PDB file of N, CA and C in Angstrom:
ATOM      1  N   UNK A   1      24.907  14.532   9.888  1.00  0.00           N
ATOM      2  CA  UNK A   1      25.727  13.908   9.371  1.00  0.00           C
ATOM      3  C   UNK A   1      23.615  13.304   8.430  1.00  0.00           C
ATOM      4  N   UNK A   2      24.120  12.714   7.190  1.00  0.00           N
ATOM      5  CA  UNK A   2      23.207  12.188   6.447  1.00  0.00           C
ATOM      6  C   UNK A   2      23.532  10.993   6.756  1.00  0.00           C
ATOM      7  N   UNK A   3      22.604  10.912   6.265  1.00  0.00           N
ATOM      8  CA  UNK A   3      22.543   8.846   6.127  1.00  0.00           C
ATOM      9  C   UNK A   3      21.570   8.757   5.447  1.00  0.00           C
ATOM     10  N   UNK A   4      22.081   8.005   3.848  1.00  0.00           N
ATOM     11  CA  UNK A   4      20.459   7.183   2.660  1.00  0.00           C
ATOM     12  C   UNK A   4      19.903   5.636   2.971  1.00  0.00           C
ATOM     13  N   UNK A   5      19.584   5.416   2.618  1.00  0.00           N
ATOM     14  CA  UNK A   5      18.451   4.263   2.972  1.00  0.00           C
ATOM     15  C   UNK A   5      17.854   4.083   1.785  1.00  0.00           C
ATOM     16  N   UNK A   6      18.411   2.857   0.543  1.00  0.00           N
ATOM     17  CA  UNK A   6      17.461   2.816  -0.855  1.00  0.00           C
ATOM     18  C   UNK A   6      17.043   1.931  -0.441  1.00  0.00           C
ATOM     19  N   UNK A   7      15.140   1.710  -0.389  1.00  0.00           N
ATOM     20  CA  UNK A   7      14.740   1.348  -0.382  1.00  0.00           C
ATOM     21  C   UNK A   7      13.533   0.472  -1.260  1.00  0.00           C
ATOM     22  N   UNK A   8      13.867   1.550  -2.614  1.00  0.00           N
ATOM     23  CA  UNK A   8      13.057   1.388  -3.679  1.00  0.00           C
ATOM     24  C   UNK A   8      12.778  -0.143  -4.723  1.00  0.00           C
ATOM     25  N   UNK A   9      13.567  -0.617  -4.698  1.00  0.00           N
ATOM     26  CA  UNK A   9      13.105  -1.847  -4.374  1.00  0.00           C
ATOM     27  C   UNK A   9      13.000  -1.752  -6.700  1.00  0.00           C
ATOM     28  N   UNK A  10      13.884  -1.136  -7.461  1.00  0.00           N
ATOM     29  CA  UNK A  10      13.664  -0.935  -8.261  1.00  0.00           C
ATOM     30  C   UNK A  10      12.534   0.078  -9.203  1.00  0.00           C
ATOM     31  N   UNK A  11      11.979   0.719  -7.857  1.00  0.00           N
ATOM     32  CA  UNK A  11      10.919   1.453  -7.950  1.00  0.00           C
ATOM     33  C   UNK A  11      11.243   2.821  -8.223  1.00  0.00           C
ATOM     34  N   UNK A  12      10.027   4.213  -8.620  1.00  0.00           N
ATOM     35  CA  UNK A  12      10.930   5.321  -8.598  1.00  0.00           C
ATOM     36  C   UNK A  12      10.690   5.774  -7.597  1.00  0.00           C
ATOM     37  N   UNK A  13      12.191   6.447  -6.916  1.00  0.00           N
ATOM     38  CA  UNK A  13      12.747   7.658  -6.160  1.00  0.00           C
ATOM     39  C   UNK A  13      11.105   8.106  -5.182  1.00  0.00           C
ATOM     40  N   UNK A  14      11.895   8.120  -4.415  1.00  0.00           N
ATOM     41  CA  UNK A  14      11.030   9.014  -3.843  1.00  0.00           C
ATOM     42  C   UNK A  14      11.728   9.533  -2.169  1.00  0.00           C
ATOM     43  N   UNK A  15      11.896  10.572  -2.115  1.00  0.00           N
ATOM     44  CA  UNK A  15      12.354  10.978  -0.783  1.00  0.00           C
ATOM     45  C   UNK A  15      11.862  11.468   0.975  1.00  0.00           C
ATOM     46  N   UNK A  16      12.339  10.957   1.853  1.00  0.00           N
ATOM     47  CA  UNK A  16      12.305  11.669   3.303  1.00  0.00           C
ATOM     48  C   UNK A  16      13.125  12.240   4.117  1.00  0.00           C
ATOM     49  N   UNK A  17      13.244  13.836   3.886  1.00  0.00           N
ATOM     50  CA  UNK A  17      14.134  13.614   5.435  1.00  0.00           C
ATOM     51  C   UNK A  17      13.825  13.819   6.905  1.00  0.00           C
ATOM     52  N   UNK A  18      14.298  13.094   7.458  1.00  0.00           N
ATOM     53  CA  UNK A  18      14.209  13.003   8.937  1.00  0.00           C
ATOM     54  C   UNK A  18      15.103  13.539   9.740  1.00  0.00           C
ATOM     55  N   UNK A  19      14.906  14.035  10.234  1.00  0.00           N
ATOM     56  CA  UNK A  19      15.550  15.421  11.470  1.00  0.00           C
ATOM     57  C   UNK A  19      16.185  14.762  12.805  1.00  0.00           C
ATOM     58  N   UNK A  20      16.887  13.587  12.830  1.00  0.00           N
ATOM     59  CA  UNK A  20      16.939  12.898  13.638  1.00  0.00           C
ATOM     60  C   UNK A  20      18.341  13.830  15.160  1.00  0.00           C
ATOM     61  N   UNK A  21      18.352  14.856  15.019  1.00  0.00           N
ATOM     62  CA  UNK A  21      19.135  15.710  16.264  1.00  0.00           C
ATOM     63  C   UNK A  21      19.003  15.215  17.071  1.00  0.00           C
ATOM     64  N   UNK A  22      17.804  14.589  17.530  1.00  0.00           N
ATOM     65  CA  UNK A  22      17.941  14.096  19.136  1.00  0.00           C
ATOM     66  C   UNK A  22      19.052  13.119  19.185  1.00  0.00           C
ATOM     67  N   UNK A  23      19.699  11.687  18.069  1.00  0.00           N
ATOM     68  CA  UNK A  23      20.235  10.744  18.400  1.00  0.00           C
ATOM     69  C   UNK A  23      21.550  11.469  17.715  1.00  0.00           C
ATOM     70  N   UNK A  24      22.444  11.310  18.757  1.00  0.00           N
ATOM     71  CA  UNK A  24      24.362  11.803  18.909  1.00  0.00           C
ATOM     72  C   UNK A  24      24.232  10.654  19.350  1.00  0.00           C
ATOM     73  N   UNK A  25      25.956  10.377  18.394  1.00  0.00           N
ATOM     74  CA  UNK A  25      27.356   9.486  18.285  1.00  0.00           C
ATOM     75  C   UNK A  25      27.520   9.496  20.149  1.00  0.00           C
ATOM     76  N   UNK A  26      27.382   8.026  20.751  1.00  0.00           N
ATOM     77  CA  UNK A  26      28.035   8.182  22.235  1.00  0.00           C
ATOM     78  C   UNK A  26      29.339   8.275  22.315  1.00  0.00           C
ATOM     79  N   UNK A  27      30.033   9.006  21.961  1.00  0.00           N
ATOM     80  CA  UNK A  27      31.849   9.164  22.205  1.00  0.00           C
ATOM     81  C   UNK A  27      32.009   8.459  23.999  1.00  0.00           C
ATOM     82  N   UNK A  28      31.088   8.835  25.029  1.00  0.00           N
ATOM     83  CA  UNK A  28      31.589   8.971  26.188  1.00  0.00           C
ATOM     84  C   UNK A  28      31.713   6.702  26.302  1.00  0.00           C
ATOM     85  N   UNK A  29      30.390   6.255  25.861  1.00  0.00           N
ATOM     86  CA  UNK A  29      31.043   5.006  25.797  1.00  0.00           C
ATOM     87  C   UNK A  29      31.413   3.952  24.396  1.00  0.00           C
ATOM     88  N   UNK A  30      32.120   4.748  24.132  1.00  0.00           N
ATOM     89  CA  UNK A  30      32.851   4.557  22.486  1.00  0.00           C
ATOM     90  C   UNK A  30      32.094   4.019  21.492  1.00  0.00           C
ATOM     91  N   UNK A  31      31.155   4.472  21.205  1.00  0.00           N
ATOM     92  CA  UNK A  31      30.388   4.183  20.398  1.00  0.00           C
ATOM     93  C   UNK A  31      31.318   4.187  18.556  1.00  0.00           C
ATOM     94  N   UNK A  32      31.286   3.430  18.046  1.00  0.00           N
ATOM     95  CA  UNK A  32      31.954   3.290  16.745  1.00  0.00           C
ATOM     96  C   UNK A  32      30.384   4.140  15.720  1.00  0.00           C
ATOM     97  N   UNK A  33      31.416   4.915  14.886  1.00  0.00           N
ATOM     98  CA  UNK A  33      30.314   5.640  13.736  1.00  0.00           C
ATOM     99  C   UNK A  33      29.686   4.660  12.849  1.00  0.00           C
ATOM    100  N   UNK A  34      30.026   3.171  12.858  1.00  0.00           N
ATOM    101  CA  UNK A  34      29.224   2.865  12.588  1.00  0.00           C
ATOM    102  C   UNK A  34      28.274   2.473  13.297  1.00  0.00           C
ATOM    103  N   UNK A  35      28.132   1.808  14.623  1.00  0.00           N
ATOM    104  CA  UNK A  35      26.723   1.285  15.242  1.00  0.00           C
ATOM    105  C   UNK A  35      25.984   3.467  15.424  1.00  0.00           C
ATOM    106  N   UNK A  36      26.471   4.116  15.402  1.00  0.00           N
ATOM    107  CA  UNK A  36      26.285   5.135  15.219  1.00  0.00           C
ATOM    108  C   UNK A  36      24.452   5.747  13.821  1.00  0.00           C
ATOM    109  N   UNK A  37      26.158   4.874  12.815  1.00  0.00           N
ATOM    110  CA  UNK A  37      24.547   5.556  11.055  1.00  0.00           C
ATOM    111  C   UNK A  37      24.026   4.010  11.928  1.00  0.00           C
ATOM    112  N   UNK A  38      24.289   3.575  11.852  1.00  0.00           N
ATOM    113  CA  UNK A  38      22.748   1.912  11.787  1.00  0.00           C
ATOM    114  C   UNK A  38      21.874   2.231  13.092  1.00  0.00           C
ATOM    115  N   UNK A  39      22.250   3.002  14.527  1.00  0.00           N
ATOM    116  CA  UNK A  39      20.358   3.823  14.914  1.00  0.00           C
ATOM    117  C   UNK A  39      20.440   5.268  14.221  1.00  0.00           C
ATOM    118  N   UNK A  40      20.731   5.531  13.284  1.00  0.00           N
ATOM    119  CA  UNK A  40      20.245   6.633  12.358  1.00  0.00           C
ATOM    120  C   UNK A  40      19.363   5.484  11.360  1.00  0.00           C
ATOM    121  N   UNK A  41      19.923   4.984  10.454  1.00  0.00           N
ATOM    122  CA  UNK A  41      18.868   4.196   9.175  1.00  0.00           C
ATOM    123  C   UNK A  41      18.137   3.422  10.476  1.00  0.00           C
ATOM    124  N   UNK A  42      18.486   3.525  11.185  1.00  0.00           N
ATOM    125  CA  UNK A  42      16.737   2.143  12.537  1.00  0.00           C
ATOM    126  C   UNK A  42      15.796   3.324  12.130  1.00  0.00           C
ATOM    127  N   UNK A  43      16.701   4.573  12.256  1.00  0.00           N
ATOM    128  CA  UNK A  43      15.121   5.829  12.653  1.00  0.00           C
ATOM    129  C   UNK A  43      15.029   6.472  11.297  1.00  0.00           C
ATOM    130  N   UNK A  44      15.281   6.269  10.380  1.00  0.00           N
ATOM    131  CA  UNK A  44      15.573   6.116   8.645  1.00  0.00           C
ATOM    132  C   UNK A  44      14.178   5.084   8.691  1.00  0.00           C
ATOM    133  N   UNK A  45      14.260   3.712   8.584  1.00  0.00           N
ATOM    134  CA  UNK A  45      13.149   2.551   8.511  1.00  0.00           C
ATOM    135  C   UNK A  45      11.939   3.012   9.451  1.00  0.00           C
ATOM    136  N   UNK A  46      12.495   3.565  10.939  1.00  0.00           N
ATOM    137  CA  UNK A  46      11.025   3.732  11.042  1.00  0.00           C
ATOM    138  C   UNK A  46      10.058   5.356  10.502  1.00  0.00           C
ATOM    139  N   UNK A  47      10.415   6.351  10.702  1.00  0.00           N
ATOM    140  CA  UNK A  47       9.790   6.829   9.547  1.00  0.00           C
ATOM    141  C   UNK A  47       9.591   6.430   8.613  1.00  0.00           C
ATOM    142  N   UNK A  48      10.457   5.735   6.901  1.00  0.00           N
ATOM    143  CA  UNK A  48       9.272   5.133   6.541  1.00  0.00           C
ATOM    144  C   UNK A  48       8.592   3.847   6.444  1.00  0.00           C
ATOM    145  N   UNK A  49       7.758   3.525   7.019  1.00  0.00           N
ATOM    146  CA  UNK A  49       6.751   2.552   8.147  1.00  0.00           C
ATOM    147  C   UNK A  49       6.327   3.674   8.209  1.00  0.00           C
ATOM    148  N   UNK A  50       6.051   4.773   9.034  1.00  0.00           N
ATOM    149  CA  UNK A  50       5.201   5.617   9.147  1.00  0.00           C
ATOM    150  C   UNK A  50       5.019   6.050   7.684  1.00  0.00           C
ATOM    151  N   UNK A  51       5.367   6.274   6.587  1.00  0.00           N
ATOM    152  CA  UNK A  51       4.932   6.936   5.904  1.00  0.00           C
ATOM    153  C   UNK A  51       4.540   6.424   4.797  1.00  0.00           C
ATOM    154  N   UNK A  52       4.237   5.160   4.624  1.00  0.00           N
ATOM    155  CA  UNK A  52       3.956   3.727   3.389  1.00  0.00           C
ATOM    156  C   UNK A  52       2.784   4.859   3.030  1.00  0.00           C
ATOM    157  N   UNK A  53       2.909   4.359   1.053  1.00  0.00           N
ATOM    158  CA  UNK A  53       1.917   4.754   1.013  1.00  0.00           C
ATOM    159  C   UNK A  53       1.150   3.992   0.283  1.00  0.00           C
ATOM    160  N   UNK A  54      -0.004   3.725   0.096  1.00  0.00           N
ATOM    161  CA  UNK A  54      -1.345   3.789   0.113  1.00  0.00           C
ATOM    162  C   UNK A  54      -1.743   4.425  -1.288  1.00  0.00           C
ATOM    163  N   UNK A  55      -2.070   3.410  -2.267  1.00  0.00           N
ATOM    164  CA  UNK A  55      -3.147   3.833  -3.435  1.00  0.00           C
ATOM    165  C   UNK A  55      -3.698   2.817  -3.909  1.00  0.00           C
ATOM    166  N   UNK A  56      -4.804   3.163  -3.701  1.00  0.00           N
ATOM    167  CA  UNK A  56      -6.293   2.679  -4.577  1.00  0.00           C
ATOM    168  C   UNK A  56      -7.575   3.480  -5.253  1.00  0.00           C
ATOM    169  N   UNK A  57      -8.331   3.029  -5.709  1.00  0.00           N
ATOM    170  CA  UNK A  57      -9.182   3.359  -6.826  1.00  0.00           C
ATOM    171  C   UNK A  57     -10.296   2.642  -6.867  1.00  0.00           C
ATOM    172  N   UNK A  58     -11.532   3.291  -6.997  1.00  0.00           N
ATOM    173  CA  UNK A  58     -12.395   2.110  -7.317  1.00  0.00           C
ATOM    174  C   UNK A  58     -13.068   2.350  -9.040  1.00  0.00           C
ATOM    175  N   UNK A  59     -13.352   1.493  -9.374  1.00  0.00           N
ATOM    176  CA  UNK A  59     -13.651   1.136 -10.236  1.00  0.00           C
ATOM    177  C   UNK A  59     -15.244   0.216 -11.094  1.00  0.00           C
ATOM    178  N   UNK A  60     -15.627   0.602 -11.996  1.00  0.00           N
ATOM    179  CA  UNK A  60     -17.033   0.179 -12.361  1.00  0.00           C
ATOM    180  C   UNK A  60     -16.801  -1.279 -13.310  1.00  0.00           C
ATOM    181  N   UNK A  61     -17.732  -2.390 -13.152  1.00  0.00           N
ATOM    182  CA  UNK A  61     -18.079  -3.216 -14.200  1.00  0.00           C
ATOM    183  C   UNK A  61     -18.957  -2.631 -14.546  1.00  0.00           C
ATOM    184  N   UNK A  62     -18.998  -2.633 -16.234  1.00  0.00           N
ATOM    185  CA  UNK A  62     -19.351  -2.281 -17.323  1.00  0.00           C
ATOM    186  C   UNK A  62     -19.695  -3.538 -18.071  1.00  0.00           C
ATOM    187  N   UNK A  63     -20.973  -3.901 -18.467  1.00  0.00           N
ATOM    188  CA  UNK A  63     -20.717  -4.791 -19.246  1.00  0.00           C
ATOM    189  C   UNK A  63     -20.990  -4.081 -20.590  1.00  0.00           C
ATOM    190  N   UNK A  64     -20.074  -4.609 -21.878  1.00  0.00           N
ATOM    191  CA  UNK A  64     -20.095  -4.331 -23.485  1.00  0.00           C
ATOM    192  C   UNK A  64     -19.578  -5.833 -23.905  1.00  0.00           C
ATOM    193  N   UNK A  65     -19.921  -5.700 -24.902  1.00  0.00           N
ATOM    194  CA  UNK A  65     -19.518  -6.384 -26.123  1.00  0.00           C
ATOM    195  C   UNK A  65     -18.698  -6.875 -25.373  1.00  0.00           C
ATOM    196  N   UNK A  66     -17.825  -7.075 -25.402  1.00  0.00           N
ATOM    197  CA  UNK A  66     -16.060  -7.373 -25.510  1.00  0.00           C
ATOM    198  C   UNK A  66     -16.873  -8.206 -24.049  1.00  0.00           C
ATOM    199  N   UNK A  67     -16.783  -7.103 -23.525  1.00  0.00           N
ATOM    200  CA  UNK A  67     -16.672  -7.715 -21.623  1.00  0.00           C
ATOM    201  C   UNK A  67     -17.536  -8.471 -20.935  1.00  0.00           C
ATOM    202  N   UNK A  68     -18.433 -10.374 -20.819  1.00  0.00           N
ATOM    203  CA  UNK A  68     -20.028 -10.240 -20.461  1.00  0.00           C
ATOM    204  C   UNK A  68     -19.597 -10.688 -18.853  1.00  0.00           C
ATOM    205  N   UNK A  69     -20.241 -10.593 -17.991  1.00  0.00           N
ATOM    206  CA  UNK A  69     -20.263 -11.041 -16.913  1.00  0.00           C
ATOM    207  C   UNK A  69     -20.504 -11.965 -16.308  1.00  0.00           C
ATOM    208  N   UNK A  70     -19.853 -13.626 -16.092  1.00  0.00           N
ATOM    209  CA  UNK A  70     -20.775 -14.867 -16.330  1.00  0.00           C
ATOM    210  C   UNK A  70     -19.233 -16.069 -17.280  1.00  0.00           C
ATOM    211  N   UNK A  71     -19.487 -14.505 -18.339  1.00  0.00           N
ATOM    212  CA  UNK A  71     -18.949 -15.424 -19.333  1.00  0.00           C
ATOM    213  C   UNK A  71     -17.363 -14.914 -20.381  1.00  0.00           C
ATOM    214  N   UNK A  72     -17.218 -13.883 -19.248  1.00  0.00           N
ATOM    215  CA  UNK A  72     -15.860 -13.794 -19.389  1.00  0.00           C
ATOM    216  C   UNK A  72     -15.135 -12.810 -18.204  1.00  0.00           C
ATOM    217  N   UNK A  73     -15.257 -12.984 -17.694  1.00  0.00           N
ATOM    218  CA  UNK A  73     -14.960 -12.963 -15.969  1.00  0.00           C
ATOM    219  C   UNK A  73     -16.180 -13.244 -14.507  1.00  0.00           C
ATOM    220  N   UNK A  74     -15.308 -13.884 -13.911  1.00  0.00           N
ATOM    221  CA  UNK A  74     -16.263 -13.768 -13.213  1.00  0.00           C
ATOM    222  C   UNK A  74     -15.273 -14.546 -11.439  1.00  0.00           C
ATOM    223  N   UNK A  75     -15.910 -14.453 -10.436  1.00  0.00           N
ATOM    224  CA  UNK A  75     -15.792 -14.168  -9.140  1.00  0.00           C
ATOM    225  C   UNK A  75     -14.050 -15.411  -9.270  1.00  0.00           C
ATOM    226  N   UNK A  76     -13.463 -15.282  -8.842  1.00  0.00           N
ATOM    227  CA  UNK A  76     -12.163 -15.321  -8.752  1.00  0.00           C
ATOM    228  C   UNK A  76     -10.968 -15.516  -9.711  1.00  0.00           C
ATOM    229  N   UNK A  77     -11.335 -14.692 -11.196  1.00  0.00           N
ATOM    230  CA  UNK A  77     -10.985 -14.033 -11.981  1.00  0.00           C
ATOM    231  C   UNK A  77      -9.459 -13.738 -11.135  1.00  0.00           C
ATOM    232  N   UNK A  78      -8.666 -13.093 -12.176  1.00  0.00           N
ATOM    233  CA  UNK A  78      -7.627 -12.019 -12.222  1.00  0.00           C
ATOM    234  C   UNK A  78      -8.423 -10.990 -13.232  1.00  0.00           C
ATOM    235  N   UNK A  79      -8.311  -9.617 -12.924  1.00  0.00           N
ATOM    236  CA  UNK A  79      -8.942  -8.626 -13.838  1.00  0.00           C
ATOM    237  C   UNK A  79      -7.410  -7.751 -13.414  1.00  0.00           C
ATOM    238  N   UNK A  80      -8.208  -6.795 -14.922  1.00  0.00           N
ATOM    239  CA  UNK A  80      -6.659  -5.645 -14.716  1.00  0.00           C
ATOM    240  C   UNK A  80      -7.678  -4.565 -14.601  1.00  0.00           C
ATOM    241  N   UNK A  81      -7.115  -3.794 -14.101  1.00  0.00           N
ATOM    242  CA  UNK A  81      -8.049  -2.113 -14.016  1.00  0.00           C
ATOM    243  C   UNK A  81      -6.503  -1.388 -14.576  1.00  0.00           C
ATOM    244  N   UNK A  82      -6.974  -0.059 -15.410  1.00  0.00           N
ATOM    245  CA  UNK A  82      -5.925   1.577 -15.205  1.00  0.00           C
ATOM    246  C   UNK A  82      -6.294   2.202 -14.836  1.00  0.00           C
ATOM    247  N   UNK A  83      -5.654   3.365 -14.092  1.00  0.00           N
ATOM    248  CA  UNK A  83      -6.546   4.684 -14.305  1.00  0.00           C
ATOM    249  C   UNK A  83      -5.051   5.472 -13.824  1.00  0.00           C
ATOM    250  N   UNK A  84      -4.838   6.954 -13.775  1.00  0.00           N
ATOM    251  CA  UNK A  84      -4.343   7.993 -13.466  1.00  0.00           C
ATOM    252  C   UNK A  84      -2.688   6.548 -14.231  1.00  0.00           C
ATOM    253  N   UNK A  85      -2.630   6.893 -14.689  1.00  0.00           N
ATOM    254  CA  UNK A  85      -0.643   6.118 -15.052  1.00  0.00           C
ATOM    255  C   UNK A  85      -0.833   4.413 -14.279  1.00  0.00           C
ATOM    256  N   UNK A  86      -1.389   4.139 -13.347  1.00  0.00           N
ATOM    257  CA  UNK A  86      -1.489   2.630 -12.175  1.00  0.00           C
ATOM    258  C   UNK A  86      -2.417   1.913 -12.959  1.00  0.00           C
ATOM    259  N   UNK A  87      -1.230   0.738 -13.642  1.00  0.00           N
ATOM    260  CA  UNK A  87      -1.827  -0.885 -13.464  1.00  0.00           C
ATOM    261  C   UNK A  87      -2.013  -2.039 -12.566  1.00  0.00           C
ATOM    262  N   UNK A  88      -3.185  -2.351 -12.507  1.00  0.00           N
ATOM    263  CA  UNK A  88      -4.055  -3.413 -10.773  1.00  0.00           C
ATOM    264  C   UNK A  88      -4.065  -4.204 -11.717  1.00  0.00           C
ATOM    265  N   UNK A  89      -3.331  -5.385 -11.500  1.00  0.00           N
ATOM    266  CA  UNK A  89      -3.749  -6.743 -11.588  1.00  0.00           C
ATOM    267  C   UNK A  89      -4.544  -7.287 -10.436  1.00  0.00           C
ATOM    268  N   UNK A  90      -5.808  -7.362 -10.458  1.00  0.00           N
ATOM    269  CA  UNK A  90      -6.264  -8.327  -9.113  1.00  0.00           C
ATOM    270  C   UNK A  90      -7.412  -8.926  -9.173  1.00  0.00           C
ATOM    271  N   UNK A  91      -7.267  -9.726  -8.363  1.00  0.00           N
ATOM    272  CA  UNK A  91      -8.499 -11.215  -8.421  1.00  0.00           C
ATOM    273  C   UNK A  91     -10.007 -11.071  -8.069  1.00  0.00           C
ATOM    274  N   UNK A  92     -10.619 -11.379  -8.390  1.00  0.00           N
ATOM    275  CA  UNK A  92     -12.398 -10.947  -7.728  1.00  0.00           C
ATOM    276  C   UNK A  92     -12.492 -11.309  -6.835  1.00  0.00           C
ATOM    277  N   UNK A  93     -12.751 -11.080  -5.464  1.00  0.00           N
ATOM    278  CA  UNK A  93     -12.986 -11.838  -4.424  1.00  0.00           C
ATOM    279  C   UNK A  93     -14.185 -11.775  -3.866  1.00  0.00           C
ATOM    280  N   UNK A  94     -15.229 -10.747  -4.904  1.00  0.00           N
ATOM    281  CA  UNK A  94     -16.033 -10.695  -4.288  1.00  0.00           C
ATOM    282  C   UNK A  94     -16.985 -10.520  -5.440  1.00  0.00           C
ATOM    283  N   UNK A  95     -18.717 -10.865  -5.638  1.00  0.00           N
ATOM    284  CA  UNK A  95     -19.727 -10.271  -6.878  1.00  0.00           C
ATOM    285  C   UNK A  95     -20.847  -9.960  -5.917  1.00  0.00           C
ATOM    286  N   UNK A  96     -21.238  -8.888  -6.220  1.00  0.00           N
ATOM    287  CA  UNK A  96     -22.609  -8.601  -5.696  1.00  0.00           C
ATOM    288  C   UNK A  96     -23.803  -8.233  -6.495  1.00  0.00           C
ATOM    289  N   UNK A  97     -24.771  -9.349  -6.746  1.00  0.00           N
ATOM    290  CA  UNK A  97     -25.121  -9.094  -8.098  1.00  0.00           C
ATOM    291  C   UNK A  97     -26.864  -8.513  -6.749  1.00  0.00           C
ATOM    292  N   UNK A  98     -27.398  -7.726  -8.123  1.00  0.00           N
ATOM    293  CA  UNK A  98     -28.157  -7.113  -7.743  1.00  0.00           C
ATOM    294  C   UNK A  98     -29.890  -6.851  -9.000  1.00  0.00           C
ATOM    295  N   UNK A  99     -30.552  -7.142  -8.371  1.00  0.00           N
ATOM    296  CA  UNK A  99     -31.693  -6.933  -9.219  1.00  0.00           C
ATOM    297  C   UNK A  99     -33.080  -5.942  -8.430  1.00  0.00           C
ATOM    298  N   UNK A 100     -33.309  -4.949  -8.548  1.00  0.00           N
ATOM    299  CA  UNK A 100     -34.272  -3.745  -8.329  1.00  0.00           C
ATOM    300  C   UNK A 100     -34.850  -3.653  -9.430  1.00  0.00           C
ATOM    301  N   UNK A 101     -36.014  -3.387  -9.589  1.00  0.00           N
ATOM    302  CA  UNK A 101     -36.977  -1.822 -10.686  1.00  0.00           C
ATOM    303  C   UNK A 101     -36.736  -2.689 -11.725  1.00  0.00           C
ATOM    304  N   UNK A 102     -36.619  -3.954 -11.766  1.00  0.00           N
ATOM    305  CA  UNK A 102     -36.473  -4.395 -13.121  1.00  0.00           C
ATOM    306  C   UNK A 102     -34.050  -4.474 -14.023  1.00  0.00           C
ATOM    307  N   UNK A 103     -33.942  -3.374 -12.621  1.00  0.00           N
ATOM    308  CA  UNK A 103     -32.856  -3.205 -13.423  1.00  0.00           C
ATOM    309  C   UNK A 103     -31.528  -4.960 -12.449  1.00  0.00           C
ATOM    310  N   UNK A 104     -30.032  -4.577 -13.107  1.00  0.00           N
ATOM    311  CA  UNK A 104     -29.349  -5.934 -12.303  1.00  0.00           C
ATOM    312  C   UNK A 104     -28.474  -5.231 -12.923  1.00  0.00           C
ATOM    313  N   UNK A 105     -27.803  -5.004 -11.733  1.00  0.00           N
ATOM    314  CA  UNK A 105     -26.655  -4.721 -12.194  1.00  0.00           C
ATOM    315  C   UNK A 105     -25.512  -5.278 -10.547  1.00  0.00           C
ATOM    316  N   UNK A 106     -24.188  -5.205 -11.461  1.00  0.00           N
ATOM    317  CA  UNK A 106     -23.222  -5.939 -10.247  1.00  0.00           C
ATOM    318  C   UNK A 106     -22.084  -5.575 -10.005  1.00  0.00           C
ATOM    319  N   UNK A 107     -21.580  -5.024  -9.211  1.00  0.00           N
ATOM    320  CA  UNK A 107     -20.235  -5.091  -8.174  1.00  0.00           C
ATOM    321  C   UNK A 107     -19.370  -5.577  -7.725  1.00  0.00           C
ATOM    322  N   UNK A 108     -18.734  -6.343  -8.886  1.00  0.00           N
ATOM    323  CA  UNK A 108     -17.335  -6.465  -8.252  1.00  0.00           C
ATOM    324  C   UNK A 108     -16.164  -6.179  -7.387  1.00  0.00           C
ATOM    325  N   UNK A 109     -15.695  -7.466  -6.397  1.00  0.00           N
ATOM    326  CA  UNK A 109     -14.385  -6.622  -5.416  1.00  0.00           C
ATOM    327  C   UNK A 109     -13.068  -7.442  -5.787  1.00  0.00           C
ATOM    328  N   UNK A 110     -12.607  -6.394  -5.884  1.00  0.00           N
ATOM    329  CA  UNK A 110     -10.896  -7.117  -6.242  1.00  0.00           C
ATOM    330  C   UNK A 110      -9.886  -6.415  -5.256  1.00  0.00           C
ATOM    331  N   UNK A 111      -8.934  -7.403  -4.759  1.00  0.00           N
ATOM    332  CA  UNK A 111      -7.849  -7.329  -3.784  1.00  0.00           C
ATOM    333  C   UNK A 111      -7.882  -7.274  -2.425  1.00  0.00           C
ATOM    334  N   UNK A 112      -7.470  -6.712  -1.388  1.00  0.00           N
ATOM    335  CA  UNK A 112      -7.361  -6.452   0.133  1.00  0.00           C
ATOM    336  C   UNK A 112      -8.085  -5.236   0.181  1.00  0.00           C
ATOM    337  N   UNK A 113      -8.939  -5.419   0.632  1.00  0.00           N
ATOM    338  CA  UNK A 113      -9.624  -4.042   1.551  1.00  0.00           C
ATOM    339  C   UNK A 113      -8.250  -3.438   2.398  1.00  0.00           C
ATOM    340  N   UNK A 114      -8.474  -2.063   2.139  1.00  0.00           N
ATOM    341  CA  UNK A 114      -7.579  -1.179   3.643  1.00  0.00           C
ATOM    342  C   UNK A 114      -7.165  -1.737   4.913  1.00  0.00           C
ATOM    343  N   UNK A 115      -6.463  -1.927   5.627  1.00  0.00           N
ATOM    344  CA  UNK A 115      -6.361  -2.472   6.404  1.00  0.00           C
ATOM    345  C   UNK A 115      -6.891  -1.231   7.758  1.00  0.00           C
ATOM    346  N   UNK A 116      -7.549  -1.372   9.189  1.00  0.00           N
ATOM    347  CA  UNK A 116      -8.460  -0.747   9.028  1.00  0.00           C
ATOM    348  C   UNK A 116      -7.375  -0.197  10.370  1.00  0.00           C
ATOM    349  N   UNK A 117      -7.337   0.594  11.217  1.00  0.00           N
ATOM    350  CA  UNK A 117      -6.527   1.029  12.867  1.00  0.00           C
ATOM    351  C   UNK A 117      -7.327   0.548  13.770  1.00  0.00           C
ATOM    352  N   UNK A 118      -6.351  -0.209  14.852  1.00  0.00           N
ATOM    353  CA  UNK A 118      -7.204  -1.129  15.951  1.00  0.00           C
ATOM    354  C   UNK A 118      -6.169  -0.565  16.951  1.00  0.00           C
ATOM    355  N   UNK A 119      -6.910  -0.138  17.961  1.00  0.00           N
ATOM    356  CA  UNK A 119      -7.183   0.303  18.969  1.00  0.00           C
ATOM    357  C   UNK A 119      -6.865  -1.075  20.190  1.00  0.00           C
ATOM    358  N   UNK A 120      -6.422  -1.832  20.581  1.00  0.00           N
ATOM    359  CA  UNK A 120      -5.751  -2.939  21.436  1.00  0.00           C
ATOM    360  C   UNK A 120      -5.421  -2.331  23.162  1.00  0.00           C
ATOM    361  N   UNK A 121      -6.201  -0.524  23.189  1.00  0.00           N
ATOM    362  CA  UNK A 121      -6.043  -0.573  24.456  1.00  0.00           C
ATOM    363  C   UNK A 121      -4.955  -0.247  25.154  1.00  0.00           C
ATOM    364  N   UNK A 122      -4.763   0.345  26.540  1.00  0.00           N
ATOM    365  CA  UNK A 122      -3.611   0.602  26.799  1.00  0.00           C
ATOM    366  C   UNK A 122      -2.676  -0.170  27.947  1.00  0.00           C
ATOM    367  N   UNK A 123      -1.936  -1.284  28.367  1.00  0.00           N
ATOM    368  CA  UNK A 123      -1.462  -2.085  28.826  1.00  0.00           C
ATOM    369  C   UNK A 123      -1.783  -1.829  30.260  1.00  0.00           C
ATOM    370  N   UNK A 124      -2.266  -0.478  30.960  1.00  0.00           N
ATOM    371  CA  UNK A 124      -2.419  -0.177  32.494  1.00  0.00           C
ATOM    372  C   UNK A 124      -3.704  -0.771  33.171  1.00  0.00           C
TER     373      UNK A 124
END
């Protein structure tokens, strides 16, 4: 049996096929077809959560005649980045200023950092 889930939210469609042969309709306990489909959909949701898409890229701030640090953008501003056809509007959450060897460099950090894996240990 094939069960479809639409989780696109208007985004382009991506497909994930899940082999759920280990789930069978429990006719012995009179499980309805709708209840069986609901279990299959739940398995699909779990597999989609495991395959969540995460996109990120690094960009460098460059002072140009059009965009200067502290004049045109600063900490807390929302800025746009575009690369590989991806457009992100992100808030500048951190600015690192480095003066070294007579050279001044500025490195902004935008958005939220990618989550790290947590190991909470075992229950035993």
